[in-house]
Amino acid sequence: MVSSDQRRRQLAREKYLRQQERRAARRRRARLRNIALAVVGVLVFGAAVAYAVTGGLNRDEKDEDAGKQGTPSPSPSKSYDPCEKPSKGKPNGKKWKKEPEQAVDESAKYSMKLATTCGDIAFEMDAAKTPRTVNSFDFLAREKFFDHTKCHRLVDESIHVLQCGDPTATGKSGPGYTLPDENLKDSRLKGGTYPAGTVAMANRYDARTKKGRDTGGSQFFLVFEDSTLPPDYTPFGKITEGMDVLKKVAKAGSTPDPKTRNTPPNATVVIEKATVSKN
């Protein structure tokens, strides 16, 4: 027969074992939780790195969108669209194997006008400092390359830009040829800032690897607020009309697209017609 003293010791042992089991279970749960958090952290960090590497301003064909800084602008409402419905028509999707022959007058002034569904945007182009870029834009406008193309990316955090010029609206396409970087030592870029009103070229340059120079195509971005960026993007124009249009587009926000990893604007910004004039 078990004495009361033995019974108490037995109950104490059982209680101790139950406590140990509960402690072990809590440790297991804590380990699993920490592992899960670590995995989530890695995934979030990986996604951030992927965006930094694959999103951004350096986008053009034959590229998986090597990118720069900038985060998506907050989206007030995906359904909010302050722009008009685009007219019928689609980009012609033309491509060329070689950059067009130089035809612009470097001593003349050129301007480009974008008639968009959100309003007109116009900018002067500097043929003296960026002759090959201006020559290309003159050529592409005459070929109606930009007509019916959708501006595919809006960033309004850290940098403040609207990016256009891709007939596929994916950030991966262009005219088939590339352009050299020009005017990267422009005095306006001092201090690592692209001033509001600047029009500059997108490209595939990666500052970390120092690879991807001279890879501009047809994609360009319009700066609607001073933006901190390294001087790696050809500044070739200055906005003279349409800053109110860009502000309207920015106010509507953007919605990230998980397929293209772009941040397309909620506003339907379509270039109905692009024209270049010699002043």
Protein backbone atom coordinates (compact mmCIF):
# COMPACT_ATOMS: atom_id res chain seq x y z
CA MET A 1 0.00 0.00 0.00
CA VAL A 2 1.29 3.48 -0.99
CA SER A 3 1.87 5.77 1.97
CA SER A 4 0.62 9.36 1.97
CA ASP A 5 4.18 10.60 1.81
CA GLN A 6 4.92 8.47 -1.27
CA ARG A 7 1.67 9.62 -2.83
CA ARG A 8 2.66 13.29 -2.33
CA ARG A 9 6.09 12.66 -3.92
CA GLN A 10 4.42 10.89 -6.87
CA LEU A 11 2.00 13.78 -7.39
CA ALA A 12 4.87 16.24 -7.13
CA ARG A 13 6.83 14.34 -9.80
CA GLU A 14 3.80 14.24 -12.09
CA LYS A 15 3.25 17.96 -11.60
CA TYR A 16 6.93 18.63 -12.34
CA LEU A 17 6.76 16.52 -15.51
CA ARG A 18 3.63 18.36 -16.67
CA GLN A 19 5.37 21.70 -16.08
CA GLN A 20 8.40 20.53 -18.04
CA GLU A 21 6.20 19.37 -20.90
CA ARG A 22 4.38 22.72 -20.98
CA ARG A 23 7.70 24.59 -20.92
CA ALA A 24 9.04 22.43 -23.75
CA ALA A 25 5.86 23.03 -25.74
CA ARG A 26 6.19 26.80 -25.22
CA ARG A 27 9.83 26.68 -26.35
CA ARG A 28 8.83 24.73 -29.47
CA ARG A 29 6.10 27.25 -30.28
CA ALA A 30 8.51 30.13 -29.71
CA ARG A 31 11.08 28.54 -32.03
CA LEU A 32 8.46 28.01 -34.73
CA ARG A 33 7.23 31.59 -34.33
CA ASN A 34 10.76 32.95 -34.59
CA ILE A 35 11.46 30.83 -37.66
CA ALA A 36 8.24 32.07 -39.25
CA LEU A 37 9.11 35.67 -38.47
CA ALA A 38 12.60 35.18 -39.85
CA VAL A 39 11.19 33.71 -43.07
CA VAL A 40 8.71 36.56 -43.42
CA GLY A 41 11.54 39.02 -42.76
CA VAL A 42 13.66 37.43 -45.46
CA LEU A 43 10.74 37.49 -47.88
CA VAL A 44 9.98 41.13 -47.15
CA PHE A 45 13.64 42.08 -47.43
CA GLY A 46 13.91 40.03 -50.61
CA ALA A 47 10.87 41.78 -52.05
CA ALA A 48 12.36 45.16 -51.19
CA VAL A 49 15.66 44.21 -52.80
CA ALA A 50 13.81 42.81 -55.81
CA TYR A 51 11.94 46.07 -56.20
CA ALA A 52 15.14 48.05 -55.87
CA VAL A 53 16.85 45.82 -58.41
CA THR A 54 13.94 45.38 -60.81
CA GLY A 55 11.88 48.51 -60.46
CA GLY A 56 12.70 52.14 -60.84
CA LEU A 57 13.78 54.50 -63.53
CA ASN A 58 16.23 52.33 -65.44
CA ARG A 59 13.79 50.38 -67.56
CA ASP A 60 13.89 49.45 -71.21
CA GLU A 61 13.82 46.46 -73.52
CA LYS A 62 16.06 43.39 -73.05
CA ASP A 63 16.05 44.18 -69.37
CA GLU A 64 14.30 42.79 -66.34
CA ASP A 65 13.78 46.33 -65.14
CA ALA A 66 16.99 47.07 -63.22
CA GLY A 67 15.90 49.91 -60.98
CA LYS A 68 16.51 52.77 -58.65
CA GLN A 69 15.01 54.24 -55.55
CA GLY A 70 11.45 55.28 -55.01
CA THR A 71 8.37 53.79 -53.38
CA PRO A 72 4.83 53.62 -54.69
CA SER A 73 2.66 56.64 -54.00
CA PRO A 74 -0.31 55.94 -51.72
CA SER A 75 -3.46 55.07 -53.58
CA PRO A 76 -6.50 57.04 -52.47
CA SER A 77 -8.76 54.95 -54.66
CA LYS A 78 -8.03 52.70 -57.59
CA SER A 79 -11.33 53.76 -59.15
CA TYR A 80 -10.48 57.48 -58.94
CA ASP A 81 -9.51 58.61 -62.42
CA PRO A 82 -9.45 62.35 -63.17
CA CYS A 83 -8.59 61.85 -66.85
CA GLU A 84 -10.63 61.42 -70.00
CA LYS A 85 -11.23 58.11 -71.73
CA PRO A 86 -8.55 57.45 -74.40
CA SER A 87 -9.51 57.71 -78.04
CA LYS A 88 -9.52 54.62 -80.21
CA GLY A 89 -6.10 53.51 -81.36
CA LYS A 90 -3.07 51.64 -80.15
CA PRO A 91 0.72 52.10 -80.32
CA ASN A 92 2.25 51.16 -83.65
CA GLY A 93 5.04 49.24 -81.89
CA LYS A 94 7.66 50.08 -84.50
CA LYS A 95 11.28 49.10 -83.88
CA TRP A 96 14.55 49.97 -85.55
CA LYS A 97 17.92 48.26 -85.47
CA LYS A 98 19.92 51.47 -85.48
CA GLU A 99 19.69 54.91 -83.96
CA PRO A 100 18.39 57.41 -86.56
CA GLU A 101 20.92 59.51 -88.42
CA GLN A 102 21.61 62.88 -86.87
CA ALA A 103 19.28 65.45 -88.42
CA VAL A 104 18.53 68.09 -85.76
CA ASP A 105 20.09 71.52 -85.82
CA GLU A 106 22.11 71.77 -82.62
CA SER A 107 21.93 75.57 -82.71
CA ALA A 108 18.13 75.56 -82.84
CA LYS A 109 15.53 75.19 -80.10
CA TYR A 110 13.12 72.27 -80.12
CA SER A 111 10.03 71.63 -78.08
CA MET A 112 7.82 68.59 -77.62
CA LYS A 113 4.11 68.59 -76.89
CA LEU A 114 2.26 65.64 -75.44
CA ALA A 115 -1.49 65.77 -75.91
CA THR A 116 -2.64 63.41 -73.16
CA THR A 117 -5.98 62.24 -71.81
CA CYS A 118 -5.25 64.29 -68.68
CA GLY A 119 -4.25 67.51 -70.42
CA ASP A 120 -1.38 68.89 -72.47
CA ILE A 121 2.23 68.64 -71.33
CA ALA A 122 4.97 70.52 -73.17
CA PHE A 123 8.69 70.84 -72.68
CA GLU A 124 11.68 72.47 -74.31
CA MET A 125 14.51 70.19 -75.45
CA ASP A 126 18.19 71.12 -75.37
CA ALA A 127 19.63 70.10 -78.75
CA ALA A 128 22.98 71.73 -77.98
CA LYS A 129 23.67 69.63 -74.87
CA THR A 130 21.71 66.49 -75.79
CA PRO A 131 21.73 66.34 -79.60
CA ARG A 132 21.32 62.58 -79.98
CA THR A 133 18.50 62.37 -77.47
CA VAL A 134 16.63 65.26 -79.08
CA ASN A 135 17.27 63.81 -82.54
CA SER A 136 15.78 60.50 -81.43
CA PHE A 137 12.69 62.11 -79.91
CA ASP A 138 12.16 64.17 -83.06
CA PHE A 139 12.43 60.99 -85.13
CA LEU A 140 10.12 58.93 -82.89
CA ALA A 141 7.49 61.68 -82.79
CA ARG A 142 7.49 61.89 -86.59
CA GLU A 143 7.09 58.10 -86.72
CA LYS A 144 4.10 58.39 -84.32
CA PHE A 145 5.90 56.01 -81.95
CA PHE A 146 4.55 57.72 -78.81
CA ASP A 147 0.95 58.06 -80.03
CA HIS A 148 -1.58 56.05 -77.98
CA THR A 149 1.08 54.98 -75.45
CA LYS A 150 0.22 54.82 -71.76
CA CYS A 151 2.41 56.31 -69.05
CA HIS A 152 3.18 53.24 -66.99
CA ARG A 153 4.78 54.38 -63.74
CA LEU A 154 4.13 56.97 -61.05
CA VAL A 155 6.29 57.50 -57.98
CA ASP A 156 5.43 60.16 -55.43
CA GLU A 157 7.55 59.16 -52.43
CA SER A 158 11.25 60.12 -52.18
CA ILE A 159 11.21 60.89 -55.88
CA HIS A 160 8.32 62.50 -57.74
CA VAL A 161 8.15 61.34 -61.34
CA LEU A 162 5.78 60.13 -64.02
CA GLN A 163 7.41 57.72 -66.47
CA CYS A 164 6.24 57.29 -70.05
CA GLY A 165 7.51 56.23 -73.48
CA ASP A 166 6.98 52.46 -73.46
CA PRO A 167 4.48 51.26 -76.09
CA THR A 168 3.80 48.11 -74.07
CA ALA A 169 3.27 50.00 -70.77
CA THR A 170 5.32 47.35 -68.96
CA GLY A 171 8.59 49.22 -68.49
CA LYS A 172 10.41 46.67 -70.63
CA SER A 173 10.18 47.98 -74.18
CA GLY A 174 11.60 50.66 -76.42
CA PRO A 175 12.43 51.56 -80.03
CA GLY A 176 14.91 48.74 -80.63
CA TYR A 177 18.04 50.91 -80.42
CA THR A 178 19.82 52.56 -77.50
CA LEU A 179 21.14 56.06 -76.93
CA PRO A 180 24.29 57.30 -75.20
CA ASP A 181 24.09 59.17 -71.91
CA GLU A 182 24.37 62.92 -72.43
CA ASN A 183 24.66 66.02 -70.27
CA LEU A 184 25.20 64.12 -66.99
CA LYS A 185 27.36 66.97 -65.67
CA ASP A 186 24.63 69.56 -66.11
CA SER A 187 24.94 72.21 -63.42
CA ARG A 188 21.25 71.82 -62.57
CA LEU A 189 21.97 68.33 -61.17
CA LYS A 190 24.37 69.54 -58.48
CA GLY A 191 23.55 68.21 -55.04
CA GLY A 192 22.05 65.00 -56.36
CA THR A 193 18.75 66.66 -57.24
CA TYR A 194 16.70 66.63 -60.43
CA PRO A 195 14.72 69.88 -60.11
CA ALA A 196 10.96 70.02 -60.62
CA GLY A 197 10.23 70.49 -64.31
CA THR A 198 13.13 68.33 -65.51
CA VAL A 199 12.55 65.80 -68.29
CA ALA A 200 15.13 63.01 -68.28
CA MET A 201 15.82 59.64 -69.86
CA ALA A 202 15.29 56.29 -68.17
CA ASN A 203 18.03 53.70 -68.69
CA ARG A 204 19.44 50.40 -67.44
CA TYR A 205 22.44 51.72 -65.54
CA ASP A 206 23.19 49.92 -62.26
CA ALA A 207 25.29 52.10 -59.96
CA ARG A 208 26.32 49.09 -57.86
CA THR A 209 27.92 47.20 -60.72
CA LYS A 210 28.80 50.28 -62.80
CA LYS A 211 27.21 48.55 -65.79
CA GLY A 212 24.50 49.71 -68.14
CA ARG A 213 25.76 53.05 -69.37
CA ASP A 214 24.42 54.35 -72.70
CA THR A 215 21.23 52.29 -72.57
CA GLY A 216 18.55 54.94 -73.01
CA GLY A 217 15.75 54.19 -75.47
CA SER A 218 12.35 55.84 -75.61
CA GLN A 219 11.35 55.84 -71.94
CA PHE A 220 11.54 59.17 -70.15
CA PHE A 221 10.36 60.64 -66.89
CA LEU A 222 8.77 63.95 -65.97
CA VAL A 223 9.82 65.40 -62.60
CA PHE A 224 6.97 67.27 -60.88
CA GLU A 225 8.79 67.95 -57.56
CA ASP A 226 12.49 68.23 -56.75
CA SER A 227 13.76 64.63 -56.62
CA THR A 228 16.93 63.23 -55.10
CA LEU A 229 18.59 61.07 -57.75
CA PRO A 230 22.17 60.35 -58.78
CA PRO A 231 23.21 62.11 -62.01
CA ASP A 232 22.84 58.97 -64.12
CA TYR A 233 19.87 59.96 -66.27
CA THR A 234 20.20 62.25 -69.28
CA PRO A 235 18.41 65.55 -68.54
CA PHE A 236 17.27 66.76 -71.93
CA GLY A 237 14.22 68.93 -71.37
CA LYS A 238 12.40 71.42 -69.18
CA ILE A 239 8.63 71.44 -68.70
CA THR A 240 6.95 74.64 -69.89
CA GLU A 241 3.32 73.54 -69.68
CA GLY A 242 1.41 70.89 -67.77
CA MET A 243 2.79 70.87 -64.24
CA ASP A 244 -0.84 71.12 -63.10
CA VAL A 245 -1.56 68.00 -65.14
CA LEU A 246 1.24 66.10 -63.41
CA LYS A 247 0.03 67.25 -59.98
CA LYS A 248 -3.46 66.03 -60.85
CA VAL A 249 -2.08 62.65 -61.86
CA ALA A 250 0.01 62.43 -58.68
CA LYS A 251 -2.99 63.31 -56.50
CA ALA A 252 -4.87 60.30 -57.90
CA GLY A 253 -2.10 58.02 -56.63
CA SER A 254 -0.94 54.67 -57.99
CA THR A 255 -1.64 50.98 -57.48
CA PRO A 256 1.25 48.44 -57.57
CA ASP A 257 0.99 45.82 -60.30
CA PRO A 258 2.40 42.47 -59.04
CA LYS A 259 2.83 41.18 -62.60
CA THR A 260 4.96 43.97 -64.02
CA ARG A 261 6.28 45.25 -60.65
CA ASN A 262 5.35 48.72 -61.87
CA THR A 263 3.37 51.31 -59.96
CA PRO A 264 0.98 52.51 -62.68
CA PRO A 265 -0.94 55.69 -61.95
CA ASN A 266 -4.63 55.39 -61.12
CA ALA A 267 -5.15 58.18 -63.63
CA THR A 268 -5.32 56.85 -67.19
CA VAL A 269 -2.48 58.90 -68.67
CA VAL A 270 -2.35 58.12 -72.38
CA ILE A 271 -0.32 60.15 -74.85
CA GLU A 272 -2.82 60.64 -77.66
CA LYS A 273 -0.35 62.50 -79.86
CA ALA A 274 3.27 63.60 -79.54
CA THR A 275 4.69 66.36 -81.74
CA VAL A 276 8.09 68.02 -81.94
CA SER A 277 8.52 71.52 -83.30
CA LYS A 278 11.60 73.54 -84.16
CA ASN A 279 11.39 77.04 -82.72
